[in-house]
PDB file of N, CA and C in Angstrom:
ATOM      1  N   UNK A   1       3.826 -37.758  23.184  1.00  0.00           N
ATOM      2  CA  UNK A   1       2.998 -36.836  22.824  1.00  0.00           C
ATOM      3  C   UNK A   1       2.703 -35.478  23.980  1.00  0.00           C
ATOM      4  N   UNK A   2       3.146 -34.361  23.102  1.00  0.00           N
ATOM      5  CA  UNK A   2       3.213 -33.048  23.816  1.00  0.00           C
ATOM      6  C   UNK A   2       2.177 -32.211  23.036  1.00  0.00           C
ATOM      7  N   UNK A   3       1.552 -31.039  23.775  1.00  0.00           N
ATOM      8  CA  UNK A   3       0.976 -30.421  22.980  1.00  0.00           C
ATOM      9  C   UNK A   3       1.844 -29.057  22.699  1.00  0.00           C
ATOM     10  N   UNK A   4       1.428 -28.518  21.883  1.00  0.00           N
ATOM     11  CA  UNK A   4       2.276 -27.426  21.283  1.00  0.00           C
ATOM     12  C   UNK A   4       1.461 -26.045  21.494  1.00  0.00           C
ATOM     13  N   UNK A   5       1.790 -25.041  21.984  1.00  0.00           N
ATOM     14  CA  UNK A   5       1.228 -23.780  22.192  1.00  0.00           C
ATOM     15  C   UNK A   5       1.748 -22.867  21.215  1.00  0.00           C
ATOM     16  N   UNK A   6       0.818 -22.450  19.992  1.00  0.00           N
ATOM     17  CA  UNK A   6       1.148 -21.678  18.708  1.00  0.00           C
ATOM     18  C   UNK A   6       1.756 -20.229  19.171  1.00  0.00           C
ATOM     19  N   UNK A   7       1.121 -19.650  20.274  1.00  0.00           N
ATOM     20  CA  UNK A   7       1.068 -18.193  20.550  1.00  0.00           C
ATOM     21  C   UNK A   7       2.571 -18.104  21.553  1.00  0.00           C
ATOM     22  N   UNK A   8       2.918 -19.352  22.263  1.00  0.00           N
ATOM     23  CA  UNK A   8       4.251 -19.454  22.949  1.00  0.00           C
ATOM     24  C   UNK A   8       5.482 -19.885  21.877  1.00  0.00           C
ATOM     25  N   UNK A   9       5.004 -20.556  20.906  1.00  0.00           N
ATOM     26  CA  UNK A   9       6.300 -20.958  19.944  1.00  0.00           C
ATOM     27  C   UNK A   9       6.694 -19.911  18.945  1.00  0.00           C
ATOM     28  N   UNK A  10       5.370 -19.010  18.465  1.00  0.00           N
ATOM     29  CA  UNK A  10       5.487 -17.817  17.393  1.00  0.00           C
ATOM     30  C   UNK A  10       6.411 -16.629  18.253  1.00  0.00           C
ATOM     31  N   UNK A  11       6.153 -16.502  19.552  1.00  0.00           N
ATOM     32  CA  UNK A  11       6.670 -15.106  20.282  1.00  0.00           C
ATOM     33  C   UNK A  11       8.228 -15.573  20.079  1.00  0.00           C
ATOM     34  N   UNK A  12       8.879 -16.950  19.743  1.00  0.00           N
ATOM     35  CA  UNK A  12      10.188 -17.088  20.072  1.00  0.00           C
ATOM     36  C   UNK A  12      10.866 -16.800  18.734  1.00  0.00           C
ATOM     37  N   UNK A  13      10.096 -16.568  17.857  1.00  0.00           N
ATOM     38  CA  UNK A  13      10.644 -15.947  16.643  1.00  0.00           C
ATOM     39  C   UNK A  13      10.623 -14.453  16.431  1.00  0.00           C
ATOM     40  N   UNK A  14      11.776 -14.084  16.172  1.00  0.00           N
ATOM     41  CA  UNK A  14      12.098 -12.903  16.029  1.00  0.00           C
ATOM     42  C   UNK A  14      12.599 -12.064  14.710  1.00  0.00           C
ATOM     43  N   UNK A  15      12.374 -12.785  13.624  1.00  0.00           N
ATOM     44  CA  UNK A  15      12.842 -12.505  12.317  1.00  0.00           C
ATOM     45  C   UNK A  15      11.615 -12.685  11.507  1.00  0.00           C
ATOM     46  N   UNK A  16      11.804 -12.733  10.159  1.00  0.00           N
ATOM     47  CA  UNK A  16      10.748 -12.782   8.879  1.00  0.00           C
ATOM     48  C   UNK A  16      11.428 -13.801   7.949  1.00  0.00           C
ATOM     49  N   UNK A  17      10.419 -14.479   7.562  1.00  0.00           N
ATOM     50  CA  UNK A  17      10.702 -15.336   6.162  1.00  0.00           C
ATOM     51  C   UNK A  17      11.429 -16.343   6.630  1.00  0.00           C
ATOM     52  N   UNK A  18      11.756 -16.831   7.678  1.00  0.00           N
ATOM     53  CA  UNK A  18      12.536 -17.971   8.471  1.00  0.00           C
ATOM     54  C   UNK A  18      11.657 -19.345   9.112  1.00  0.00           C
ATOM     55  N   UNK A  19      11.259 -19.961   8.591  1.00  0.00           N
ATOM     56  CA  UNK A  19      10.156 -20.877   9.189  1.00  0.00           C
ATOM     57  C   UNK A  19      11.152 -21.857  10.234  1.00  0.00           C
ATOM     58  N   UNK A  20      10.195 -22.163  11.005  1.00  0.00           N
ATOM     59  CA  UNK A  20      10.886 -23.111  12.043  1.00  0.00           C
ATOM     60  C   UNK A  20       9.903 -24.529  12.028  1.00  0.00           C
ATOM     61  N   UNK A  21      10.481 -25.383  12.632  1.00  0.00           N
ATOM     62  CA  UNK A  21       9.590 -26.705  12.560  1.00  0.00           C
ATOM     63  C   UNK A  21       9.290 -26.887  14.101  1.00  0.00           C
ATOM     64  N   UNK A  22       7.596 -26.866  14.156  1.00  0.00           N
ATOM     65  CA  UNK A  22       7.088 -27.048  14.948  1.00  0.00           C
ATOM     66  C   UNK A  22       6.526 -28.406  15.375  1.00  0.00           C
ATOM     67  N   UNK A  23       6.322 -29.159  14.312  1.00  0.00           N
ATOM     68  CA  UNK A  23       6.222 -30.788  14.378  1.00  0.00           C
ATOM     69  C   UNK A  23       6.279 -31.366  12.990  1.00  0.00           C
ATOM     70  N   UNK A  24       5.963 -32.582  13.264  1.00  0.00           N
ATOM     71  CA  UNK A  24       6.385 -33.412  12.057  1.00  0.00           C
ATOM     72  C   UNK A  24       5.239 -34.677  12.091  1.00  0.00           C
ATOM     73  N   UNK A  25       4.569 -34.952  11.023  1.00  0.00           N
ATOM     74  CA  UNK A  25       3.605 -36.237  11.168  1.00  0.00           C
ATOM     75  C   UNK A  25       3.481 -36.540   9.576  1.00  0.00           C
ATOM     76  N   UNK A  26       3.802 -37.857   9.557  1.00  0.00           N
ATOM     77  CA  UNK A  26       3.915 -38.867   8.636  1.00  0.00           C
ATOM     78  C   UNK A  26       4.546 -38.014   6.995  1.00  0.00           C
ATOM     79  N   UNK A  27       5.862 -37.522   7.389  1.00  0.00           N
ATOM     80  CA  UNK A  27       6.573 -36.791   6.396  1.00  0.00           C
ATOM     81  C   UNK A  27       6.009 -35.446   6.141  1.00  0.00           C
ATOM     82  N   UNK A  28       5.221 -34.994   6.948  1.00  0.00           N
ATOM     83  CA  UNK A  28       4.774 -33.577   6.681  1.00  0.00           C
ATOM     84  C   UNK A  28       5.312 -32.402   7.757  1.00  0.00           C
ATOM     85  N   UNK A  29       5.573 -31.536   7.468  1.00  0.00           N
ATOM     86  CA  UNK A  29       6.111 -30.471   8.539  1.00  0.00           C
ATOM     87  C   UNK A  29       4.926 -29.655   8.852  1.00  0.00           C
ATOM     88  N   UNK A  30       4.835 -29.286  10.214  1.00  0.00           N
ATOM     89  CA  UNK A  30       4.287 -28.057  10.570  1.00  0.00           C
ATOM     90  C   UNK A  30       5.249 -27.101  10.699  1.00  0.00           C
ATOM     91  N   UNK A  31       5.409 -26.008  10.290  1.00  0.00           N
ATOM     92  CA  UNK A  31       6.135 -24.812  10.314  1.00  0.00           C
ATOM     93  C   UNK A  31       5.647 -23.616  10.679  1.00  0.00           C
ATOM     94  N   UNK A  32       6.394 -22.551  11.911  1.00  0.00           N
ATOM     95  CA  UNK A  32       5.806 -21.497  12.209  1.00  0.00           C
ATOM     96  C   UNK A  32       6.495 -20.569  11.415  1.00  0.00           C
ATOM     97  N   UNK A  33       5.974 -19.151  11.163  1.00  0.00           N
ATOM     98  CA  UNK A  33       7.058 -18.481  10.601  1.00  0.00           C
ATOM     99  C   UNK A  33       6.441 -17.064  10.652  1.00  0.00           C
ATOM    100  N   UNK A  34       7.108 -15.729  10.533  1.00  0.00           N
ATOM    101  CA  UNK A  34       6.494 -14.471  10.521  1.00  0.00           C
ATOM    102  C   UNK A  34       6.656 -14.169   9.117  1.00  0.00           C
ATOM    103  N   UNK A  35       5.533 -13.287   8.573  1.00  0.00           N
ATOM    104  CA  UNK A  35       5.984 -12.761   7.418  1.00  0.00           C
ATOM    105  C   UNK A  35       5.819 -11.267   7.522  1.00  0.00           C
ATOM    106  N   UNK A  36       6.489 -10.479   6.701  1.00  0.00           N
ATOM    107  CA  UNK A  36       6.547  -9.229   6.689  1.00  0.00           C
ATOM    108  C   UNK A  36       7.133  -8.547   5.671  1.00  0.00           C
ATOM    109  N   UNK A  37       6.292  -7.965   4.493  1.00  0.00           N
ATOM    110  CA  UNK A  37       6.948  -7.319   3.369  1.00  0.00           C
ATOM    111  C   UNK A  37       6.689  -8.487   2.330  1.00  0.00           C
ATOM    112  N   UNK A  38       7.273  -8.195   1.142  1.00  0.00           N
ATOM    113  CA  UNK A  38       7.084  -9.005  -0.053  1.00  0.00           C
ATOM    114  C   UNK A  38       8.274 -10.512   0.209  1.00  0.00           C
ATOM    115  N   UNK A  39       7.796 -11.545  -0.454  1.00  0.00           N
ATOM    116  CA  UNK A  39       8.594 -12.836  -0.740  1.00  0.00           C
ATOM    117  C   UNK A  39       8.906 -12.974  -1.935  1.00  0.00           C
ATOM    118  N   UNK A  40       9.698 -13.957  -2.499  1.00  0.00           N
ATOM    119  CA  UNK A  40      10.183 -14.266  -3.647  1.00  0.00           C
ATOM    120  C   UNK A  40       9.159 -14.951  -4.173  1.00  0.00           C
ATOM    121  N   UNK A  41       8.731 -14.805  -5.938  1.00  0.00           N
ATOM    122  CA  UNK A  41       7.867 -15.454  -6.572  1.00  0.00           C
ATOM    123  C   UNK A  41       8.724 -16.775  -6.669  1.00  0.00           C
ATOM    124  N   UNK A  42       7.686 -17.840  -6.684  1.00  0.00           N
ATOM    125  CA  UNK A  42       8.113 -19.269  -7.099  1.00  0.00           C
ATOM    126  C   UNK A  42       7.553 -20.248  -7.021  1.00  0.00           C
ATOM    127  N   UNK A  43       7.402 -21.393  -7.320  1.00  0.00           N
ATOM    128  CA  UNK A  43       6.632 -22.359  -7.666  1.00  0.00           C
ATOM    129  C   UNK A  43       7.302 -23.677  -6.858  1.00  0.00           C
ATOM    130  N   UNK A  44       6.688 -24.526  -6.514  1.00  0.00           N
ATOM    131  CA  UNK A  44       6.985 -25.864  -6.188  1.00  0.00           C
ATOM    132  C   UNK A  44       6.322 -26.984  -7.067  1.00  0.00           C
ATOM    133  N   UNK A  45       7.489 -27.628  -7.915  1.00  0.00           N
ATOM    134  CA  UNK A  45       7.177 -28.642  -8.655  1.00  0.00           C
ATOM    135  C   UNK A  45       6.581 -29.883  -8.201  1.00  0.00           C
ATOM    136  N   UNK A  46       6.868 -30.300  -7.029  1.00  0.00           N
ATOM    137  CA  UNK A  46       5.952 -31.540  -6.468  1.00  0.00           C
ATOM    138  C   UNK A  46       5.236 -31.520  -4.903  1.00  0.00           C
ATOM    139  N   UNK A  47       5.262 -30.234  -4.563  1.00  0.00           N
ATOM    140  CA  UNK A  47       4.386 -30.146  -3.205  1.00  0.00           C
ATOM    141  C   UNK A  47       3.416 -29.193  -3.363  1.00  0.00           C
ATOM    142  N   UNK A  48       2.417 -29.582  -2.701  1.00  0.00           N
ATOM    143  CA  UNK A  48       1.235 -28.633  -2.355  1.00  0.00           C
ATOM    144  C   UNK A  48       1.520 -28.159  -0.931  1.00  0.00           C
ATOM    145  N   UNK A  49       1.166 -26.683  -1.001  1.00  0.00           N
ATOM    146  CA  UNK A  49       1.652 -26.172   0.735  1.00  0.00           C
ATOM    147  C   UNK A  49       0.272 -25.785   1.016  1.00  0.00           C
ATOM    148  N   UNK A  50       0.139 -25.251   2.170  1.00  0.00           N
ATOM    149  CA  UNK A  50      -0.807 -24.849   3.289  1.00  0.00           C
ATOM    150  C   UNK A  50      -0.367 -23.748   3.613  1.00  0.00           C
ATOM    151  N   UNK A  51      -0.918 -22.699   3.845  1.00  0.00           N
ATOM    152  CA  UNK A  51      -0.733 -21.399   4.684  1.00  0.00           C
ATOM    153  C   UNK A  51      -1.974 -21.501   5.359  1.00  0.00           C
ATOM    154  N   UNK A  52      -1.872 -20.863   7.075  1.00  0.00           N
ATOM    155  CA  UNK A  52      -2.546 -20.719   7.812  1.00  0.00           C
ATOM    156  C   UNK A  52      -2.817 -19.532   8.573  1.00  0.00           C
ATOM    157  N   UNK A  53      -3.118 -18.319   8.512  1.00  0.00           N
ATOM    158  CA  UNK A  53      -3.047 -17.308   9.339  1.00  0.00           C
ATOM    159  C   UNK A  53      -3.018 -17.470  10.747  1.00  0.00           C
ATOM    160  N   UNK A  54      -2.306 -17.067  11.726  1.00  0.00           N
ATOM    161  CA  UNK A  54      -2.646 -17.284  13.132  1.00  0.00           C
ATOM    162  C   UNK A  54      -2.804 -16.100  13.695  1.00  0.00           C
ATOM    163  N   UNK A  55      -2.209 -14.806  13.222  1.00  0.00           N
ATOM    164  CA  UNK A  55      -2.213 -13.507  13.805  1.00  0.00           C
ATOM    165  C   UNK A  55      -1.896 -12.731  12.467  1.00  0.00           C
ATOM    166  N   UNK A  56      -2.573 -11.598  12.647  1.00  0.00           N
ATOM    167  CA  UNK A  56      -2.288 -10.600  11.179  1.00  0.00           C
ATOM    168  C   UNK A  56      -3.046 -10.998   9.999  1.00  0.00           C
ATOM    169  N   UNK A  57      -2.777 -10.648   8.869  1.00  0.00           N
ATOM    170  CA  UNK A  57      -2.989 -10.858   7.526  1.00  0.00           C
ATOM    171  C   UNK A  57      -2.115 -10.704   6.494  1.00  0.00           C
ATOM    172  N   UNK A  58      -2.406 -11.747   5.180  1.00  0.00           N
ATOM    173  CA  UNK A  58      -1.155 -11.460   4.243  1.00  0.00           C
ATOM    174  C   UNK A  58      -1.777 -11.746   3.043  1.00  0.00           C
ATOM    175  N   UNK A  59      -1.597 -11.411   1.918  1.00  0.00           N
ATOM    176  CA  UNK A  59      -1.977 -11.497   0.820  1.00  0.00           C
ATOM    177  C   UNK A  59      -0.944 -12.416   0.013  1.00  0.00           C
ATOM    178  N   UNK A  60      -1.789 -13.486  -0.861  1.00  0.00           N
ATOM    179  CA  UNK A  60      -1.206 -14.360  -1.648  1.00  0.00           C
ATOM    180  C   UNK A  60      -1.171 -13.847  -3.236  1.00  0.00           C
ATOM    181  N   UNK A  61      -0.177 -13.350  -3.894  1.00  0.00           N
ATOM    182  CA  UNK A  61      -0.122 -13.114  -5.064  1.00  0.00           C
ATOM    183  C   UNK A  61      -0.035 -14.545  -5.667  1.00  0.00           C
ATOM    184  N   UNK A  62      -0.797 -14.702  -7.246  1.00  0.00           N
ATOM    185  CA  UNK A  62      -0.545 -15.725  -7.876  1.00  0.00           C
ATOM    186  C   UNK A  62      -0.444 -15.212  -9.449  1.00  0.00           C
ATOM    187  N   UNK A  63       0.614 -15.829 -10.249  1.00  0.00           N
ATOM    188  CA  UNK A  63       0.674 -15.614 -11.769  1.00  0.00           C
ATOM    189  C   UNK A  63       0.308 -16.900 -12.546  1.00  0.00           C
ATOM    190  N   UNK A  64      -0.139 -16.755 -13.468  1.00  0.00           N
ATOM    191  CA  UNK A  64      -0.554 -18.135 -14.028  1.00  0.00           C
ATOM    192  C   UNK A  64      -1.011 -17.578 -15.192  1.00  0.00           C
ATOM    193  N   UNK A  65      -0.141 -18.340 -16.489  1.00  0.00           N
ATOM    194  CA  UNK A  65      -0.526 -18.137 -17.987  1.00  0.00           C
ATOM    195  C   UNK A  65      -0.428 -16.417 -18.464  1.00  0.00           C
ATOM    196  N   UNK A  66       0.211 -15.534 -17.676  1.00  0.00           N
ATOM    197  CA  UNK A  66       0.386 -14.227 -18.179  1.00  0.00           C
ATOM    198  C   UNK A  66      -0.970 -13.251 -16.871  1.00  0.00           C
ATOM    199  N   UNK A  67      -1.618 -13.984 -16.365  1.00  0.00           N
ATOM    200  CA  UNK A  67      -2.264 -13.025 -15.852  1.00  0.00           C
ATOM    201  C   UNK A  67      -2.007 -13.149 -14.092  1.00  0.00           C
ATOM    202  N   UNK A  68      -2.029 -12.035 -13.460  1.00  0.00           N
ATOM    203  CA  UNK A  68      -1.924 -11.979 -11.918  1.00  0.00           C
ATOM    204  C   UNK A  68      -3.247 -11.978 -10.981  1.00  0.00           C
ATOM    205  N   UNK A  69      -3.172 -12.223 -10.122  1.00  0.00           N
ATOM    206  CA  UNK A  69      -4.443 -12.230  -9.002  1.00  0.00           C
ATOM    207  C   UNK A  69      -3.843 -12.171  -7.644  1.00  0.00           C
ATOM    208  N   UNK A  70      -4.826 -11.789  -6.641  1.00  0.00           N
ATOM    209  CA  UNK A  70      -4.290 -11.784  -5.317  1.00  0.00           C
ATOM    210  C   UNK A  70      -5.488 -12.005  -4.439  1.00  0.00           C
ATOM    211  N   UNK A  71      -5.160 -12.386  -3.221  1.00  0.00           N
ATOM    212  CA  UNK A  71      -6.152 -12.829  -2.646  1.00  0.00           C
ATOM    213  C   UNK A  71      -5.850 -13.214  -0.952  1.00  0.00           C
ATOM    214  N   UNK A  72      -6.324 -11.984  -0.082  1.00  0.00           N
ATOM    215  CA  UNK A  72      -6.253 -11.833   1.346  1.00  0.00           C
ATOM    216  C   UNK A  72      -6.788 -12.907   1.861  1.00  0.00           C
ATOM    217  N   UNK A  73      -5.526 -13.394   2.991  1.00  0.00           N
ATOM    218  CA  UNK A  73      -5.934 -14.690   3.665  1.00  0.00           C
ATOM    219  C   UNK A  73      -5.845 -13.843   5.353  1.00  0.00           C
ATOM    220  N   UNK A  74      -7.145 -14.159   6.012  1.00  0.00           N
ATOM    221  CA  UNK A  74      -7.215 -13.278   7.317  1.00  0.00           C
ATOM    222  C   UNK A  74      -7.064 -14.650   8.440  1.00  0.00           C
ATOM    223  N   UNK A  75      -6.893 -13.803   9.790  1.00  0.00           N
ATOM    224  CA  UNK A  75      -6.718 -14.735  11.074  1.00  0.00           C
ATOM    225  C   UNK A  75      -7.850 -15.917  10.706  1.00  0.00           C
ATOM    226  N   UNK A  76      -7.005 -17.212  11.245  1.00  0.00           N
ATOM    227  CA  UNK A  76      -8.038 -17.931  11.097  1.00  0.00           C
ATOM    228  C   UNK A  76      -8.688 -19.107   9.773  1.00  0.00           C
ATOM    229  N   UNK A  77      -8.117 -18.059   8.822  1.00  0.00           N
ATOM    230  CA  UNK A  77      -8.302 -18.833   7.463  1.00  0.00           C
ATOM    231  C   UNK A  77      -6.832 -19.554   6.971  1.00  0.00           C
ATOM    232  N   UNK A  78      -7.269 -20.589   6.081  1.00  0.00           N
ATOM    233  CA  UNK A  78      -6.007 -21.013   5.205  1.00  0.00           C
ATOM    234  C   UNK A  78      -6.308 -21.095   3.821  1.00  0.00           C
ATOM    235  N   UNK A  79      -5.263 -21.351   2.977  1.00  0.00           N
ATOM    236  CA  UNK A  79      -5.411 -21.482   1.724  1.00  0.00           C
ATOM    237  C   UNK A  79      -4.218 -22.471   1.389  1.00  0.00           C
ATOM    238  N   UNK A  80      -4.550 -23.275   0.303  1.00  0.00           N
ATOM    239  CA  UNK A  80      -3.705 -24.212  -0.100  1.00  0.00           C
ATOM    240  C   UNK A  80      -3.494 -24.092  -1.689  1.00  0.00           C
ATOM    241  N   UNK A  81      -1.985 -23.886  -1.787  1.00  0.00           N
ATOM    242  CA  UNK A  81      -1.426 -23.511  -2.962  1.00  0.00           C
ATOM    243  C   UNK A  81      -1.027 -24.730  -3.706  1.00  0.00           C
ATOM    244  N   UNK A  82      -1.752 -25.317  -4.694  1.00  0.00           N
ATOM    245  CA  UNK A  82      -1.130 -26.420  -5.559  1.00  0.00           C
ATOM    246  C   UNK A  82       0.214 -26.243  -5.833  1.00  0.00           C
ATOM    247  N   UNK A  83       0.752 -27.576  -6.198  1.00  0.00           N
ATOM    248  CA  UNK A  83       2.109 -27.666  -6.731  1.00  0.00           C
ATOM    249  C   UNK A  83       2.115 -26.985  -8.350  1.00  0.00           C
ATOM    250  N   UNK A  84       2.707 -26.133  -8.740  1.00  0.00           N
ATOM    251  CA  UNK A  84       3.014 -25.949  -9.922  1.00  0.00           C
ATOM    252  C   UNK A  84       2.612 -24.228 -10.092  1.00  0.00           C
ATOM    253  N   UNK A  85       1.985 -24.004  -9.168  1.00  0.00           N
ATOM    254  CA  UNK A  85       1.287 -22.604  -9.242  1.00  0.00           C
ATOM    255  C   UNK A  85       2.290 -21.762  -8.655  1.00  0.00           C
ATOM    256  N   UNK A  86       2.673 -20.744  -9.515  1.00  0.00           N
ATOM    257  CA  UNK A  86       3.426 -19.573  -9.107  1.00  0.00           C
ATOM    258  C   UNK A  86       3.003 -18.671  -7.838  1.00  0.00           C
ATOM    259  N   UNK A  87       3.411 -18.163  -6.734  1.00  0.00           N
ATOM    260  CA  UNK A  87       2.868 -17.644  -6.113  1.00  0.00           C
ATOM    261  C   UNK A  87       3.838 -16.542  -5.109  1.00  0.00           C
ATOM    262  N   UNK A  88       3.407 -15.392  -4.246  1.00  0.00           N
ATOM    263  CA  UNK A  88       4.336 -14.911  -3.685  1.00  0.00           C
ATOM    264  C   UNK A  88       3.597 -14.347  -2.233  1.00  0.00           C
ATOM    265  N   UNK A  89       3.771 -14.753  -1.308  1.00  0.00           N
ATOM    266  CA  UNK A  89       3.241 -14.011   0.028  1.00  0.00           C
ATOM    267  C   UNK A  89       3.641 -12.666  -0.120  1.00  0.00           C
ATOM    268  N   UNK A  90       2.737 -11.536   0.613  1.00  0.00           N
ATOM    269  CA  UNK A  90       2.976 -10.457   0.901  1.00  0.00           C
ATOM    270  C   UNK A  90       2.419 -10.056   2.068  1.00  0.00           C
ATOM    271  N   UNK A  91       3.139  -9.470   3.128  1.00  0.00           N
ATOM    272  CA  UNK A  91       2.256  -8.931   4.153  1.00  0.00           C
ATOM    273  C   UNK A  91       2.618  -7.562   4.647  1.00  0.00           C
ATOM    274  N   UNK A  92       1.699  -6.618   4.657  1.00  0.00           N
ATOM    275  CA  UNK A  92       1.947  -4.909   4.669  1.00  0.00           C
ATOM    276  C   UNK A  92       2.610  -4.994   6.404  1.00  0.00           C
ATOM    277  N   UNK A  93       2.069  -5.674   7.221  1.00  0.00           N
ATOM    278  CA  UNK A  93       2.273  -5.699   8.677  1.00  0.00           C
ATOM    279  C   UNK A  93       2.741  -7.019   9.023  1.00  0.00           C
ATOM    280  N   UNK A  94       3.505  -7.457  10.211  1.00  0.00           N
ATOM    281  CA  UNK A  94       3.890  -8.507  10.437  1.00  0.00           C
ATOM    282  C   UNK A  94       2.686  -9.316  10.417  1.00  0.00           C
ATOM    283  N   UNK A  95       2.781 -10.718  10.302  1.00  0.00           N
ATOM    284  CA  UNK A  95       1.531 -11.731  10.281  1.00  0.00           C
ATOM    285  C   UNK A  95       2.393 -13.294  10.564  1.00  0.00           C
ATOM    286  N   UNK A  96       1.601 -13.985  11.638  1.00  0.00           N
ATOM    287  CA  UNK A  96       2.191 -15.143  11.911  1.00  0.00           C
ATOM    288  C   UNK A  96       1.374 -16.314  11.174  1.00  0.00           C
ATOM    289  N   UNK A  97       2.205 -17.272  10.728  1.00  0.00           N
ATOM    290  CA  UNK A  97       1.595 -18.183   9.681  1.00  0.00           C
ATOM    291  C   UNK A  97       1.877 -19.635  10.177  1.00  0.00           C
ATOM    292  N   UNK A  98       0.969 -20.465  10.253  1.00  0.00           N
ATOM    293  CA  UNK A  98       1.376 -22.077  10.292  1.00  0.00           C
ATOM    294  C   UNK A  98       1.401 -22.570   8.722  1.00  0.00           C
ATOM    295  N   UNK A  99       2.280 -23.463   8.335  1.00  0.00           N
ATOM    296  CA  UNK A  99       2.717 -23.765   6.902  1.00  0.00           C
ATOM    297  C   UNK A  99       2.346 -25.631   7.519  1.00  0.00           C
ATOM    298  N   UNK A 100       1.964 -26.064   6.540  1.00  0.00           N
ATOM    299  CA  UNK A 100       1.707 -27.519   6.960  1.00  0.00           C
ATOM    300  C   UNK A 100       2.116 -27.844   5.373  1.00  0.00           C
ATOM    301  N   UNK A 101       3.586 -28.597   5.085  1.00  0.00           N
ATOM    302  CA  UNK A 101       3.856 -29.163   3.668  1.00  0.00           C
ATOM    303  C   UNK A 101       4.910 -30.387   4.071  1.00  0.00           C
ATOM    304  N   UNK A 102       5.168 -30.971   2.826  1.00  0.00           N
ATOM    305  CA  UNK A 102       6.195 -32.097   3.202  1.00  0.00           C
ATOM    306  C   UNK A 102       7.553 -31.777   3.424  1.00  0.00           C
ATOM    307  N   UNK A 103       7.962 -32.771   4.152  1.00  0.00           N
ATOM    308  CA  UNK A 103       9.316 -31.895   4.726  1.00  0.00           C
ATOM    309  C   UNK A 103      10.548 -31.758   3.442  1.00  0.00           C
ATOM    310  N   UNK A 104      10.071 -32.051   2.387  1.00  0.00           N
ATOM    311  CA  UNK A 104      11.109 -31.892   1.039  1.00  0.00           C
ATOM    312  C   UNK A 104      10.660 -30.676   0.583  1.00  0.00           C
ATOM    313  N   UNK A 105       9.744 -30.057   1.198  1.00  0.00           N
ATOM    314  CA  UNK A 105       9.445 -28.565   0.324  1.00  0.00           C
ATOM    315  C   UNK A 105      10.692 -27.624   1.185  1.00  0.00           C
ATOM    316  N   UNK A 106      11.449 -27.039  -0.079  1.00  0.00           N
ATOM    317  CA  UNK A 106      12.177 -25.682   0.133  1.00  0.00           C
ATOM    318  C   UNK A 106      11.248 -24.415   0.037  1.00  0.00           C
ATOM    319  N   UNK A 107      11.586 -23.412   1.090  1.00  0.00           N
ATOM    320  CA  UNK A 107      10.675 -22.389   1.307  1.00  0.00           C
ATOM    321  C   UNK A 107      10.698 -21.508  -0.209  1.00  0.00           C
ATOM    322  N   UNK A 108      11.528 -21.347  -0.869  1.00  0.00           N
ATOM    323  CA  UNK A 108      11.587 -20.806  -2.221  1.00  0.00           C
ATOM    324  C   UNK A 108      11.431 -21.354  -3.321  1.00  0.00           C
ATOM    325  N   UNK A 109      11.022 -22.603  -3.253  1.00  0.00           N
ATOM    326  CA  UNK A 109      10.782 -23.431  -4.177  1.00  0.00           C
ATOM    327  C   UNK A 109      11.825 -23.725  -5.148  1.00  0.00           C
ATOM    328  N   UNK A 110      11.443 -23.368  -6.621  1.00  0.00           N
ATOM    329  CA  UNK A 110      12.100 -23.426  -7.705  1.00  0.00           C
ATOM    330  C   UNK A 110      13.439 -22.305  -7.741  1.00  0.00           C
ATOM    331  N   UNK A 111      13.312 -21.482  -6.821  1.00  0.00           N
ATOM    332  CA  UNK A 111      14.401 -19.932  -6.714  1.00  0.00           C
ATOM    333  C   UNK A 111      15.375 -20.402  -5.369  1.00  0.00           C
ATOM    334  N   UNK A 112      16.581 -19.922  -5.718  1.00  0.00           N
ATOM    335  CA  UNK A 112      17.490 -19.676  -4.479  1.00  0.00           C
ATOM    336  C   UNK A 112      17.895 -18.343  -4.149  1.00  0.00           C
ATOM    337  N   UNK A 113      17.248 -17.531  -3.071  1.00  0.00           N
ATOM    338  CA  UNK A 113      17.891 -16.260  -3.010  1.00  0.00           C
ATOM    339  C   UNK A 113      17.991 -16.163  -1.664  1.00  0.00           C
ATOM    340  N   UNK A 114      18.120 -14.848  -1.107  1.00  0.00           N
ATOM    341  CA  UNK A 114      18.339 -14.268   0.268  1.00  0.00           C
ATOM    342  C   UNK A 114      17.096 -15.039   1.254  1.00  0.00           C
ATOM    343  N   UNK A 115      16.350 -15.351   0.573  1.00  0.00           N
ATOM    344  CA  UNK A 115      15.094 -16.027   1.536  1.00  0.00           C
ATOM    345  C   UNK A 115      15.327 -17.576   1.593  1.00  0.00           C
ATOM    346  N   UNK A 116      16.110 -18.065   1.195  1.00  0.00           N
ATOM    347  CA  UNK A 116      16.022 -19.730   0.838  1.00  0.00           C
ATOM    348  C   UNK A 116      16.729 -20.102   2.066  1.00  0.00           C
ATOM    349  N   UNK A 117      16.103 -21.119   2.904  1.00  0.00           N
ATOM    350  CA  UNK A 117      16.341 -21.846   4.059  1.00  0.00           C
ATOM    351  C   UNK A 117      16.636 -23.029   3.933  1.00  0.00           C
ATOM    352  N   UNK A 118      17.650 -23.594   3.644  1.00  0.00           N
ATOM    353  CA  UNK A 118      17.831 -25.154   3.551  1.00  0.00           C
ATOM    354  C   UNK A 118      17.910 -25.837   4.620  1.00  0.00           C
ATOM    355  N   UNK A 119      18.181 -25.397   5.783  1.00  0.00           N
ATOM    356  CA  UNK A 119      18.253 -26.186   7.119  1.00  0.00           C
ATOM    357  C   UNK A 119      17.480 -25.059   7.911  1.00  0.00           C
ATOM    358  N   UNK A 120      16.481 -25.971   8.742  1.00  0.00           N
ATOM    359  CA  UNK A 120      15.438 -24.910   9.479  1.00  0.00           C
ATOM    360  C   UNK A 120      15.699 -25.586  10.790  1.00  0.00           C
ATOM    361  N   UNK A 121      15.377 -24.683  11.857  1.00  0.00           N
ATOM    362  CA  UNK A 121      15.596 -24.932  13.161  1.00  0.00           C
ATOM    363  C   UNK A 121      14.241 -25.368  13.628  1.00  0.00           C
ATOM    364  N   UNK A 122      14.489 -26.366  14.897  1.00  0.00           N
ATOM    365  CA  UNK A 122      12.823 -26.925  15.592  1.00  0.00           C
ATOM    366  C   UNK A 122      12.956 -25.983  16.850  1.00  0.00           C
ATOM    367  N   UNK A 123      11.451 -25.439  16.792  1.00  0.00           N
ATOM    368  CA  UNK A 123      11.118 -24.708  18.118  1.00  0.00           C
ATOM    369  C   UNK A 123      10.370 -25.407  19.187  1.00  0.00           C
TER     370      UNK A 123
END
């Protein structure tokens, strides 16, 4: 057992949209990532995802049955995106985020593009 300092670990990340594994429990991964700009529209067939803002803020965009909506997630807040919901994170400025999701979760879900990371580094 050892404690994890989120600020210290996030300071090691110099790129965007490239999650790093900070911990694991019960088949779930705790990932740290920096957002900036728009991500890919995608959904996850079998996994829910939790996004918690550590520093900065981001907007979660949703598309459902032809309608779109958006919600800003501020520091200290988190949001859970249920499986099957099409979504896209967007950050106007750099944002530091903690993700909590099953180990099987691919960051781009049902889409493979330049943001897809199949192998994650542990920090």
